[in-house]
Amino acid sequence: MHYLFTYGTLQDRSIQLQVFERLLNGSKDGLMGFRISEEKIFGRYPVIEPTENKNQQVNGTVYELIDEELAKADQYEGSAYKKIKVDLISGVSAWVYVKA
């Protein structure tokens, strides 16, 4: 089982159905020391970046995924993003996609 922290399109129900062929069950959470970048991927999609201000936070949703679903998320995000492991405000250790 994997945890994935999302802050953008993967929170959208129609995207979840397209990528995972099901609706994900998640809970609200946050990530400290990151911010949403002013730069967008392909001029459109949000991406987060680390910040010097450890009090800054990104709010989002954390979902539980199985191996195959995490692989589908990797494919969906593509090479513009890279996946890193982070500790969320809740204490959950999760994957999150940041700018590659």
N, C-alpha and C. Protein backbone atom coordinates (compact mmCIF):
# COMPACT_ATOMS: atom_id res chain seq x y z
N MET A 1 0.85 -1.18 0.00
CA MET A 1 0.00 0.00 0.00
C MET A 1 0.89 1.25 0.00
N HIS A 2 0.47 2.24 -0.74
CA HIS A 2 1.21 3.51 -0.84
C HIS A 2 0.26 4.65 -0.50
N TYR A 3 0.83 5.74 0.01
CA TYR A 3 0.07 6.97 0.20
C TYR A 3 0.56 7.98 -0.82
N LEU A 4 -0.37 8.68 -1.45
CA LEU A 4 -0.04 9.71 -2.44
C LEU A 4 -0.71 11.02 -2.03
N PHE A 5 0.11 12.06 -1.85
CA PHE A 5 -0.41 13.38 -1.52
C PHE A 5 -0.63 14.14 -2.82
N THR A 6 -1.84 14.66 -3.00
CA THR A 6 -2.19 15.37 -4.23
C THR A 6 -2.63 16.80 -3.91
N TYR A 7 -2.36 17.69 -4.84
CA TYR A 7 -2.69 19.10 -4.65
C TYR A 7 -3.26 19.71 -5.93
N GLY A 8 -3.49 18.89 -6.95
CA GLY A 8 -3.95 19.41 -8.24
C GLY A 8 -4.97 18.49 -8.89
N THR A 9 -4.71 18.14 -10.14
CA THR A 9 -5.71 17.46 -10.96
C THR A 9 -6.11 16.08 -10.45
N LEU A 10 -5.24 15.39 -9.72
CA LEU A 10 -5.59 14.06 -9.24
C LEU A 10 -6.66 14.09 -8.15
N GLN A 11 -7.05 15.28 -7.69
CA GLN A 11 -8.17 15.41 -6.77
C GLN A 11 -9.50 15.45 -7.52
N ASP A 12 -9.44 15.67 -8.82
CA ASP A 12 -10.64 15.76 -9.66
C ASP A 12 -11.23 14.37 -9.89
N ARG A 13 -12.52 14.23 -9.59
CA ARG A 13 -13.18 12.93 -9.69
C ARG A 13 -13.14 12.35 -11.10
N SER A 14 -13.32 13.19 -12.11
CA SER A 14 -13.31 12.68 -13.49
C SER A 14 -11.90 12.21 -13.88
N ILE A 15 -10.87 12.88 -13.39
CA ILE A 15 -9.48 12.46 -13.65
C ILE A 15 -9.21 11.13 -12.94
N GLN A 16 -9.71 10.99 -11.70
CA GLN A 16 -9.53 9.74 -10.97
C GLN A 16 -10.15 8.56 -11.73
N LEU A 17 -11.35 8.76 -12.25
CA LEU A 17 -12.00 7.69 -13.01
C LEU A 17 -11.20 7.35 -14.27
N GLN A 18 -10.66 8.36 -14.92
CA GLN A 18 -9.87 8.16 -16.13
C GLN A 18 -8.57 7.42 -15.82
N VAL A 19 -7.87 7.82 -14.76
CA VAL A 19 -6.55 7.26 -14.44
C VAL A 19 -6.65 5.93 -13.70
N PHE A 20 -7.51 5.87 -12.68
CA PHE A 20 -7.55 4.70 -11.80
C PHE A 20 -8.76 3.80 -12.02
N GLU A 21 -9.71 4.26 -12.83
CA GLU A 21 -10.95 3.53 -13.11
C GLU A 21 -11.78 3.34 -11.84
N ARG A 22 -11.60 4.25 -10.88
CA ARG A 22 -12.41 4.27 -9.66
C ARG A 22 -12.24 5.63 -9.00
N LEU A 23 -13.15 5.95 -8.09
CA LEU A 23 -13.00 7.16 -7.28
C LEU A 23 -12.17 6.82 -6.06
N LEU A 24 -11.22 7.68 -5.75
CA LEU A 24 -10.34 7.44 -4.61
C LEU A 24 -10.96 7.99 -3.33
N ASN A 25 -10.69 7.32 -2.24
CA ASN A 25 -11.14 7.75 -0.93
C ASN A 25 -9.94 8.40 -0.24
N GLY A 26 -10.03 9.69 0.06
CA GLY A 26 -8.89 10.37 0.63
C GLY A 26 -9.24 11.20 1.84
N SER A 27 -8.21 11.79 2.44
CA SER A 27 -8.42 12.69 3.57
C SER A 27 -7.55 13.93 3.39
N LYS A 28 -8.06 15.03 3.88
CA LYS A 28 -7.34 16.30 3.78
C LYS A 28 -6.05 16.21 4.59
N ASP A 29 -4.99 16.82 4.08
CA ASP A 29 -3.70 16.84 4.76
C ASP A 29 -2.91 18.03 4.24
N GLY A 30 -1.71 18.18 4.71
CA GLY A 30 -0.88 19.29 4.28
C GLY A 30 0.59 18.91 4.28
N LEU A 31 1.37 19.70 3.56
CA LEU A 31 2.81 19.47 3.43
C LEU A 31 3.53 20.77 3.77
N MET A 32 4.34 20.74 4.82
CA MET A 32 5.07 21.93 5.28
C MET A 32 6.37 22.09 4.48
N GLY A 33 6.79 23.37 4.35
CA GLY A 33 8.06 23.66 3.69
C GLY A 33 8.00 23.64 2.17
N PHE A 34 6.79 23.63 1.62
CA PHE A 34 6.59 23.66 0.17
C PHE A 34 5.58 24.74 -0.17
N ARG A 35 5.58 25.14 -1.43
CA ARG A 35 4.58 26.09 -1.92
C ARG A 35 4.22 25.71 -3.35
N ILE A 36 3.07 26.21 -3.79
CA ILE A 36 2.67 26.03 -5.19
C ILE A 36 3.49 27.05 -6.00
N SER A 37 4.21 26.55 -6.98
CA SER A 37 5.06 27.40 -7.81
C SER A 37 4.23 28.33 -8.68
N GLU A 38 4.76 29.49 -8.98
CA GLU A 38 4.10 30.38 -9.94
C GLU A 38 4.21 29.81 -11.35
N GLU A 39 5.25 29.01 -11.57
CA GLU A 39 5.43 28.35 -12.86
C GLU A 39 4.48 27.17 -12.94
N LYS A 40 3.85 27.00 -14.07
CA LYS A 40 2.94 25.88 -14.29
C LYS A 40 3.57 24.91 -15.30
N ILE A 41 3.29 23.63 -15.14
CA ILE A 41 3.75 22.64 -16.10
C ILE A 41 2.90 22.80 -17.37
N PHE A 42 3.56 22.91 -18.50
CA PHE A 42 2.90 23.15 -19.78
C PHE A 42 2.02 24.40 -19.73
N GLY A 43 2.39 25.35 -18.85
CA GLY A 43 1.65 26.59 -18.73
C GLY A 43 0.28 26.45 -18.11
N ARG A 44 -0.02 25.27 -17.55
CA ARG A 44 -1.39 25.00 -17.13
C ARG A 44 -1.52 24.27 -15.78
N TYR A 45 -0.64 23.31 -15.53
CA TYR A 45 -0.82 22.42 -14.38
C TYR A 45 0.04 22.86 -13.20
N PRO A 46 -0.55 22.86 -11.99
CA PRO A 46 0.22 23.29 -10.81
C PRO A 46 1.34 22.32 -10.47
N VAL A 47 2.38 22.87 -9.85
CA VAL A 47 3.49 22.06 -9.36
C VAL A 47 3.99 22.71 -8.08
N ILE A 48 4.44 21.88 -7.14
CA ILE A 48 4.95 22.45 -5.89
C ILE A 48 6.47 22.45 -5.91
N GLU A 49 7.02 23.30 -5.06
CA GLU A 49 8.47 23.39 -4.92
C GLU A 49 8.81 23.64 -3.46
N PRO A 50 9.99 23.17 -3.03
CA PRO A 50 10.41 23.46 -1.66
C PRO A 50 10.65 24.95 -1.48
N THR A 51 10.48 25.42 -0.27
CA THR A 51 10.69 26.82 0.03
C THR A 51 11.58 26.95 1.26
N GLU A 52 12.25 28.07 1.39
CA GLU A 52 13.11 28.34 2.55
C GLU A 52 12.26 28.49 3.81
N ASN A 53 11.01 28.91 3.64
CA ASN A 53 10.11 29.14 4.77
C ASN A 53 9.47 27.82 5.18
N LYS A 54 9.96 27.23 6.26
CA LYS A 54 9.47 25.93 6.71
C LYS A 54 8.04 26.01 7.25
N ASN A 55 7.50 27.24 7.44
CA ASN A 55 6.13 27.41 7.91
C ASN A 55 5.13 27.47 6.76
N GLN A 56 5.62 27.60 5.53
CA GLN A 56 4.72 27.61 4.38
C GLN A 56 4.18 26.21 4.19
N GLN A 57 2.95 26.11 3.71
CA GLN A 57 2.39 24.78 3.51
C GLN A 57 1.51 24.72 2.28
N VAL A 58 1.43 23.52 1.73
CA VAL A 58 0.54 23.20 0.63
C VAL A 58 -0.55 22.30 1.19
N ASN A 59 -1.80 22.67 0.95
CA ASN A 59 -2.93 21.85 1.37
C ASN A 59 -3.34 20.93 0.23
N GLY A 60 -3.79 19.75 0.58
CA GLY A 60 -4.21 18.81 -0.45
C GLY A 60 -4.93 17.64 0.17
N THR A 61 -4.90 16.53 -0.56
CA THR A 61 -5.58 15.30 -0.14
C THR A 61 -4.60 14.14 -0.28
N VAL A 62 -4.62 13.26 0.70
CA VAL A 62 -3.79 12.06 0.64
C VAL A 62 -4.69 10.85 0.38
N TYR A 63 -4.24 10.02 -0.55
CA TYR A 63 -5.00 8.83 -0.96
C TYR A 63 -4.15 7.58 -0.75
N GLU A 64 -4.83 6.46 -0.51
CA GLU A 64 -4.18 5.15 -0.44
C GLU A 64 -4.27 4.50 -1.81
N LEU A 65 -3.13 4.05 -2.33
CA LEU A 65 -3.09 3.40 -3.64
C LEU A 65 -2.37 2.07 -3.54
N ILE A 66 -2.74 1.14 -4.40
CA ILE A 66 -1.98 -0.11 -4.53
C ILE A 66 -0.88 0.11 -5.56
N ASP A 67 0.05 -0.84 -5.67
CA ASP A 67 1.20 -0.71 -6.57
C ASP A 67 0.80 -0.32 -7.99
N GLU A 68 -0.20 -1.01 -8.53
CA GLU A 68 -0.61 -0.77 -9.92
C GLU A 68 -1.16 0.64 -10.09
N GLU A 69 -1.87 1.14 -9.08
CA GLU A 69 -2.42 2.50 -9.16
C GLU A 69 -1.32 3.55 -9.07
N LEU A 70 -0.30 3.30 -8.25
CA LEU A 70 0.82 4.24 -8.19
C LEU A 70 1.54 4.30 -9.54
N ALA A 71 1.67 3.15 -10.18
CA ALA A 71 2.27 3.11 -11.53
C ALA A 71 1.43 3.90 -12.53
N LYS A 72 0.11 3.81 -12.40
CA LYS A 72 -0.78 4.59 -13.27
C LYS A 72 -0.63 6.08 -13.01
N ALA A 73 -0.46 6.46 -11.75
CA ALA A 73 -0.24 7.88 -11.41
C ALA A 73 1.07 8.36 -12.02
N ASP A 74 2.12 7.53 -11.95
CA ASP A 74 3.41 7.89 -12.58
C ASP A 74 3.24 8.15 -14.07
N GLN A 75 2.50 7.28 -14.71
CA GLN A 75 2.27 7.42 -16.16
C GLN A 75 1.48 8.69 -16.44
N TYR A 76 0.46 8.96 -15.64
CA TYR A 76 -0.37 10.15 -15.82
C TYR A 76 0.46 11.42 -15.66
N GLU A 77 1.29 11.48 -14.63
CA GLU A 77 2.08 12.69 -14.36
C GLU A 77 3.17 12.90 -15.40
N GLY A 78 3.74 11.83 -15.93
CA GLY A 78 4.72 11.94 -17.01
C GLY A 78 6.07 12.47 -16.55
N SER A 79 6.91 12.78 -17.51
CA SER A 79 8.30 13.15 -17.23
C SER A 79 8.47 14.59 -16.74
N ALA A 80 7.42 15.39 -16.78
CA ALA A 80 7.52 16.78 -16.29
C ALA A 80 7.55 16.81 -14.75
N TYR A 81 7.14 15.72 -14.13
CA TYR A 81 7.11 15.62 -12.67
C TYR A 81 8.03 14.50 -12.22
N LYS A 82 8.52 14.60 -10.98
CA LYS A 82 9.21 13.48 -10.36
C LYS A 82 8.53 13.23 -9.01
N LYS A 83 8.61 11.99 -8.57
CA LYS A 83 7.94 11.57 -7.35
C LYS A 83 8.97 11.52 -6.22
N ILE A 84 8.64 12.16 -5.10
CA ILE A 84 9.52 12.13 -3.93
C ILE A 84 8.70 11.71 -2.70
N LYS A 85 9.39 11.20 -1.69
CA LYS A 85 8.74 10.80 -0.44
C LYS A 85 8.81 11.97 0.55
N VAL A 86 7.69 12.27 1.19
CA VAL A 86 7.61 13.38 2.15
C VAL A 86 6.82 12.94 3.38
N ASP A 87 6.99 13.68 4.46
CA ASP A 87 6.19 13.47 5.67
C ASP A 87 5.15 14.57 5.74
N LEU A 88 3.89 14.19 5.83
CA LEU A 88 2.79 15.15 5.85
C LEU A 88 2.53 15.64 7.28
N ILE A 89 1.73 16.68 7.38
CA ILE A 89 1.38 17.25 8.69
C ILE A 89 0.80 16.18 9.61
N SER A 90 0.01 15.27 9.05
CA SER A 90 -0.63 14.21 9.84
C SER A 90 0.37 13.18 10.37
N GLY A 91 1.59 13.22 9.83
CA GLY A 91 2.59 12.21 10.20
C GLY A 91 2.69 11.08 9.19
N VAL A 92 1.78 11.06 8.22
CA VAL A 92 1.81 10.03 7.16
C VAL A 92 3.01 10.27 6.24
N SER A 93 3.71 9.22 5.89
CA SER A 93 4.78 9.29 4.90
C SER A 93 4.16 8.99 3.55
N ALA A 94 4.27 9.92 2.60
CA ALA A 94 3.56 9.79 1.32
C ALA A 94 4.45 10.19 0.16
N TRP A 95 4.07 9.73 -1.02
CA TRP A 95 4.67 10.19 -2.26
C TRP A 95 3.99 11.48 -2.67
N VAL A 96 4.73 12.36 -3.34
CA VAL A 96 4.15 13.57 -3.93
C VAL A 96 4.94 13.85 -5.21
N TYR A 97 4.27 14.45 -6.19
CA TYR A 97 4.91 14.82 -7.44
C TYR A 97 5.35 16.27 -7.40
N VAL A 98 6.62 16.51 -7.73
CA VAL A 98 7.20 17.85 -7.81
C VAL A 98 7.79 18.03 -9.20
N LYS A 99 8.22 19.24 -9.51
CA LYS A 99 8.80 19.51 -10.83
C LYS A 99 10.05 18.67 -11.04
N ALA A 100 10.13 18.03 -12.20
CA ALA A 100 11.30 17.20 -12.52
C ALA A 100 12.52 18.04 -12.80
